[in-house]
Amino acid sequence: MAAPVPKEVKRTTAEQLVGLWKLTKSDADNGAEYTFTIELTKDGKMKARYEFNDSTQTVGGTFKAEGDKIEYTLGDRGETLTIQKLTDGELVVIDPEKKKEEFVRVKEKK
């Protein structure tokens, strides 16, 4: 007798988002060269890191994700994003001003 096939466990949106993401494209870009990453943790915390020229700024905050929405607060700023695409390696969101931002998951170094 064959062993039963394990059922695929459906992860919540929040569980799928946990990790480090790097911005690769944004409709809000003004042509400046910078690096922007966000780190989302399973306890609903987030950290955004912005690197431009020789300066780095890091801001902490919180997020809540359900369905196709991500509601977040970073410092004194917050908004709700609509998820257009979410895979294990790619995240595409639309902000309230209808600007699209594309992220890729940063693989952990072993």
Protein backbone atom coordinates (compact mmCIF):
# COMPACT_ATOMS: atom_id res chain seq x y z
CA MET A 1 0.00 0.00 0.00
CA ALA A 2 1.37 3.41 -0.96
CA ALA A 3 1.83 6.11 1.65
CA PRO A 4 -0.70 8.91 1.47
CA VAL A 5 0.34 11.94 -0.54
CA PRO A 6 1.05 14.84 1.83
CA LYS A 7 -1.37 17.70 1.41
CA GLU A 8 0.16 20.96 0.28
CA VAL A 9 -0.13 23.46 3.10
CA LYS A 10 -1.45 26.78 1.81
CA ARG A 11 0.61 29.60 3.30
CA THR A 12 -1.03 32.89 4.17
CA THR A 13 -0.03 36.06 2.35
CA ALA A 14 1.88 37.21 5.44
CA GLU A 15 3.80 33.91 5.59
CA GLN A 16 4.71 34.18 1.90
CA LEU A 17 6.01 37.73 2.42
CA VAL A 18 8.42 36.89 5.26
CA GLY A 19 11.99 37.50 4.16
CA LEU A 20 14.25 40.11 2.58
CA TRP A 21 13.10 41.83 -0.62
CA LYS A 22 15.07 44.16 -2.92
CA LEU A 23 13.41 46.79 -5.11
CA THR A 24 14.30 46.21 -8.78
CA LYS A 25 11.94 48.61 -10.54
CA SER A 26 9.62 51.43 -9.50
CA ASP A 27 7.31 53.77 -11.37
CA ALA A 28 8.36 56.38 -8.77
CA ASP A 29 12.02 56.25 -9.82
CA ASN A 30 13.53 59.59 -10.73
CA GLY A 31 16.64 58.11 -12.32
CA ALA A 32 18.73 58.19 -9.13
CA GLU A 33 21.01 55.26 -8.34
CA TYR A 34 20.01 53.74 -5.01
CA THR A 35 19.33 50.46 -3.26
CA PHE A 36 16.11 49.87 -1.34
CA THR A 37 15.32 46.71 0.62
CA ILE A 38 12.55 45.68 2.97
CA GLU A 39 12.74 42.90 5.51
CA LEU A 40 9.45 41.42 6.71
CA THR A 41 9.35 39.12 9.75
CA LYS A 42 6.81 36.54 10.86
CA ASP A 43 5.88 38.64 13.91
CA GLY A 44 4.61 41.49 11.70
CA LYS A 45 7.65 43.74 11.96
CA MET A 46 9.43 45.30 9.02
CA LYS A 47 12.63 47.18 8.35
CA ALA A 48 13.27 49.34 5.30
CA ARG A 49 16.84 50.19 4.28
CA TYR A 50 17.64 52.92 1.75
CA GLU A 51 21.19 53.34 0.46
CA PHE A 52 22.05 56.39 -1.66
CA ASN A 53 25.58 57.55 -2.46
CA ASP A 54 27.49 57.15 0.82
CA SER A 55 24.54 57.30 3.18
CA THR A 56 22.27 54.61 4.57
CA GLN A 57 18.95 55.12 6.28
CA THR A 58 17.05 52.37 8.10
CA VAL A 59 13.48 52.74 9.36
CA GLY A 60 11.50 50.21 11.39
CA GLY A 61 7.80 49.60 11.34
CA THR A 62 5.02 47.04 11.19
CA PHE A 63 2.95 45.36 8.52
CA LYS A 64 -0.21 43.33 8.22
CA ALA A 65 -1.07 41.31 5.12
CA GLU A 66 -4.33 39.68 4.16
CA GLY A 67 -5.52 38.54 0.76
CA ASP A 68 -4.05 40.90 -1.83
CA LYS A 69 -3.43 43.81 0.58
CA ILE A 70 -0.38 44.84 2.62
CA GLU A 71 -1.00 47.52 5.21
CA TYR A 72 2.19 48.94 6.66
CA THR A 73 3.58 51.71 8.83
CA LEU A 74 7.21 52.84 8.60
CA GLY A 75 8.20 55.60 10.99
CA ASP A 76 5.40 58.16 10.71
CA ARG A 77 4.28 57.03 7.23
CA GLY A 78 1.85 54.31 6.34
CA GLU A 79 -0.24 53.10 3.43
CA THR A 80 -1.97 50.08 1.95
CA LEU A 81 -0.44 48.35 -1.06
CA THR A 82 -2.26 46.03 -3.46
CA ILE A 83 -0.38 42.87 -4.40
CA GLN A 84 -0.37 42.35 -8.15
CA LYS A 85 1.96 39.31 -8.08
CA LEU A 86 3.48 37.21 -5.29
CA THR A 87 5.66 34.15 -5.86
CA ASP A 88 8.50 32.63 -3.86
CA GLY A 89 10.93 34.95 -5.65
CA GLU A 90 8.93 37.94 -6.89
CA LEU A 91 6.65 40.60 -5.39
CA VAL A 92 4.85 43.27 -7.42
CA VAL A 93 2.73 45.86 -5.61
CA ILE A 94 0.67 48.90 -6.57
CA ASP A 95 0.63 51.86 -4.19
CA PRO A 96 -2.39 54.14 -3.54
CA GLU A 97 -1.15 56.52 -6.27
CA LYS A 98 -1.23 53.59 -8.77
CA LYS A 99 2.57 53.39 -8.99
CA LYS A 100 4.00 49.90 -9.46
CA GLU A 101 6.99 48.60 -7.51
CA GLU A 102 8.75 45.32 -8.29
CA PHE A 103 10.84 43.38 -5.77
CA VAL A 104 12.86 40.18 -5.87
CA ARG A 105 13.51 38.00 -2.85
CA VAL A 106 17.09 38.15 -1.61
CA LYS A 107 18.36 34.64 -1.00
CA GLU A 108 19.90 33.98 2.40
CA LYS A 109 23.64 33.42 2.30
CA LYS A 110 24.63 30.08 3.74
